[in-house]
Structure formats: structure tokens, C-alpha cells
Amino acid sequence: MSNHEKIFENYEKSKDTYLYEDWQDVVIKITRKNDEMECFAKFRKKKEYSIKWESSLVMEARMSGKLIDKETYENF
């Protein structure tokens, strides 16, 4: 299953999707809020921040990132 398929499957189930993008060493959380896609990015040992779905960082993670679990995201 591709990242896009997993993201939209989780979106339909109101579940978060977590991705790791190794080129920039960043993790991305994609969540559903008020029937909208909401994204957050987090660099190692930094706080998460809101980021647009259309941003190059999220796009890169969607295309080539690795699916990770919530614990990996939170401990990043």
C-alpha cells in the first residue's frame, strides 16, 4: 500500500498517519480535524508545528517517506 493510500484510508477512519522523511530528518503527522486534513512537522528534539498539506516538506514525505508509529513520532 502506498503512503497516499494509507493516508486516505486513515483519514476516512479519523486515524493519524505518521511519516519519517530521511532526507531532511523530519517526521510528519497527518490528522483529520473538522473534516479537513491537518499536518504537523517535527524536527529531531524540536516541538511540532503546523504545516500545509501542499508544502514541499509534506509532499516529499508523502511520496518517499517511511510510515512510522505514534511512539516514534512523539520520541523524535
Protein backbone atom coordinates (compact mmCIF):
# COMPACT_ATOMS: atom_id res chain seq x y z
CA MET A 1 0.00 0.00 0.00
CA SER A 2 1.37 3.40 -0.95
CA ASN A 3 1.69 6.26 1.53
CA HIS A 4 -1.15 8.08 -0.24
CA GLU A 5 -3.46 5.08 0.08
CA LYS A 6 -2.61 4.70 3.77
CA ILE A 7 -3.09 8.44 4.44
CA PHE A 8 -6.54 8.46 2.86
CA GLU A 9 -7.54 5.16 4.45
CA ASN A 10 -6.61 6.57 7.87
CA TYR A 11 -8.33 9.88 7.05
CA GLU A 12 -11.59 8.02 6.37
CA LYS A 13 -11.21 6.28 9.75
CA SER A 14 -10.18 9.53 11.53
CA LYS A 15 -6.81 7.98 12.38
CA ASP A 16 -3.50 9.82 12.33
CA THR A 17 -0.74 8.92 9.88
CA TYR A 18 2.90 9.37 10.79
CA LEU A 19 5.75 9.57 8.28
CA TYR A 20 9.53 9.89 8.53
CA GLU A 21 11.34 11.72 5.75
CA ASP A 22 15.05 10.91 5.96
CA TRP A 23 16.45 13.49 3.55
CA GLN A 24 15.55 16.35 5.92
CA ASP A 25 15.39 14.16 9.05
CA VAL A 26 11.83 15.20 9.89
CA VAL A 27 8.65 13.45 10.98
CA ILE A 28 5.20 14.43 9.75
CA LYS A 29 1.81 13.83 11.36
CA ILE A 30 -1.28 13.95 9.16
CA THR A 31 -4.56 14.10 11.04
CA ARG A 32 -8.22 14.89 10.49
CA LYS A 33 -9.79 17.91 12.16
CA ASN A 34 -13.27 19.20 11.34
CA ASP A 35 -13.26 17.12 8.13
CA GLU A 36 -10.05 18.81 7.00
CA MET A 37 -6.56 17.40 6.59
CA GLU A 38 -4.18 18.95 9.12
CA CYS A 39 -0.42 18.39 9.09
CA PHE A 40 2.35 18.87 11.60
CA ALA A 41 6.11 18.63 11.18
CA LYS A 42 8.72 17.97 13.82
CA PHE A 43 12.48 18.06 13.53
CA ARG A 44 14.58 15.97 15.91
CA LYS A 45 14.22 17.13 19.54
CA LYS A 46 12.14 20.16 18.46
CA LYS A 47 8.46 20.97 19.01
CA GLU A 48 5.93 20.16 16.34
CA TYR A 49 4.46 22.94 14.25
CA SER A 50 1.56 23.22 11.83
CA ILE A 51 2.43 22.91 8.16
CA LYS A 52 0.35 22.99 4.98
CA TRP A 53 -0.58 19.79 3.13
CA GLU A 54 0.73 21.41 -0.07
CA SER A 55 4.18 22.25 1.37
CA SER A 56 7.24 20.67 -0.23
CA LEU A 57 8.17 19.03 3.09
CA VAL A 58 4.83 17.23 3.40
CA MET A 59 4.83 16.40 -0.31
CA GLU A 60 8.27 14.80 -0.06
CA ALA A 61 7.21 12.77 2.99
CA ARG A 62 4.03 11.65 1.22
CA MET A 63 5.98 10.50 -1.83
CA SER A 64 9.07 8.90 -0.32
CA GLY A 65 8.69 8.91 3.46
CA LYS A 66 8.53 5.83 5.63
CA LEU A 67 5.41 5.05 7.67
CA ILE A 68 6.18 5.15 11.40
CA ASP A 69 4.12 4.73 14.56
CA LYS A 70 2.89 7.35 17.03
CA GLU A 71 5.54 6.49 19.62
CA THR A 72 8.36 7.03 17.11
CA TYR A 73 6.85 10.39 16.16
CA GLU A 74 6.47 11.52 19.77
CA ASN A 75 10.00 10.47 20.75
CA PHE A 76 11.67 12.01 17.70
